[in-house]
Amino acid sequence: MTVRNTGNVLYTFAGTLNVTGGGSTRTVPLTPTGIYVIPGGSATITGRLAGLPALGRRAVTASVTATVPGGAAKTVESNTVRLSCFPWLVAALTAGGLLALGLVLIVTRKRWRACLRRRAQERTALRALKRELRATRCRPGRGSAGARSLRSSGRTRWGSGRNAS
């Protein structure tokens, strides 16, 4: 905030920020304190408002007291400024995370459905193969060619004959 001495007397300035809202009132000092401003001159005084809420509204009014050395003092207040606080970084990160999660779900869903389709095709093929095997086993005189040749020769799969030693 810039203060100007438009008169012809040397002034000393001191100021505060009055922060209201959120159920409490705080006062923040403006620095430098007790600064002299010559007639026709100006000075900038600043204050740092720390500890703002992540979400909410506050009203800030600057109050400056001009004092003539050894004389009277006058306090002037600025217009009230309304501050709205919103956690934009948290909101942006949350939105980005939800978007990434949505994309992952979409991509994964396509892969998952393709996997389910493949499994269904494999199950269908296995069922058909089982039906075919059951049908060939149940028919008389219709075994596999390898089993028929072993039975007719009297040989087993693990040895050369019945009494192999």
Foldseek 3Di string as FASTA:
>chain_A
DKDAAQDQAKKWKWKWKWKDDPPDIDIWTWPDHRDIAHHGGMDDTGTDDPDDDQFDKIKIKMKMWIDGVVDDIDIDIDDIDMDGHHNPVVVVVVVVVVVVVVVVCVVVVVVVVVVVVVVVVVVVVVVVVVVVQVVQVPDPPRDDPVVVVCVVVQHDPPAGHDPHD
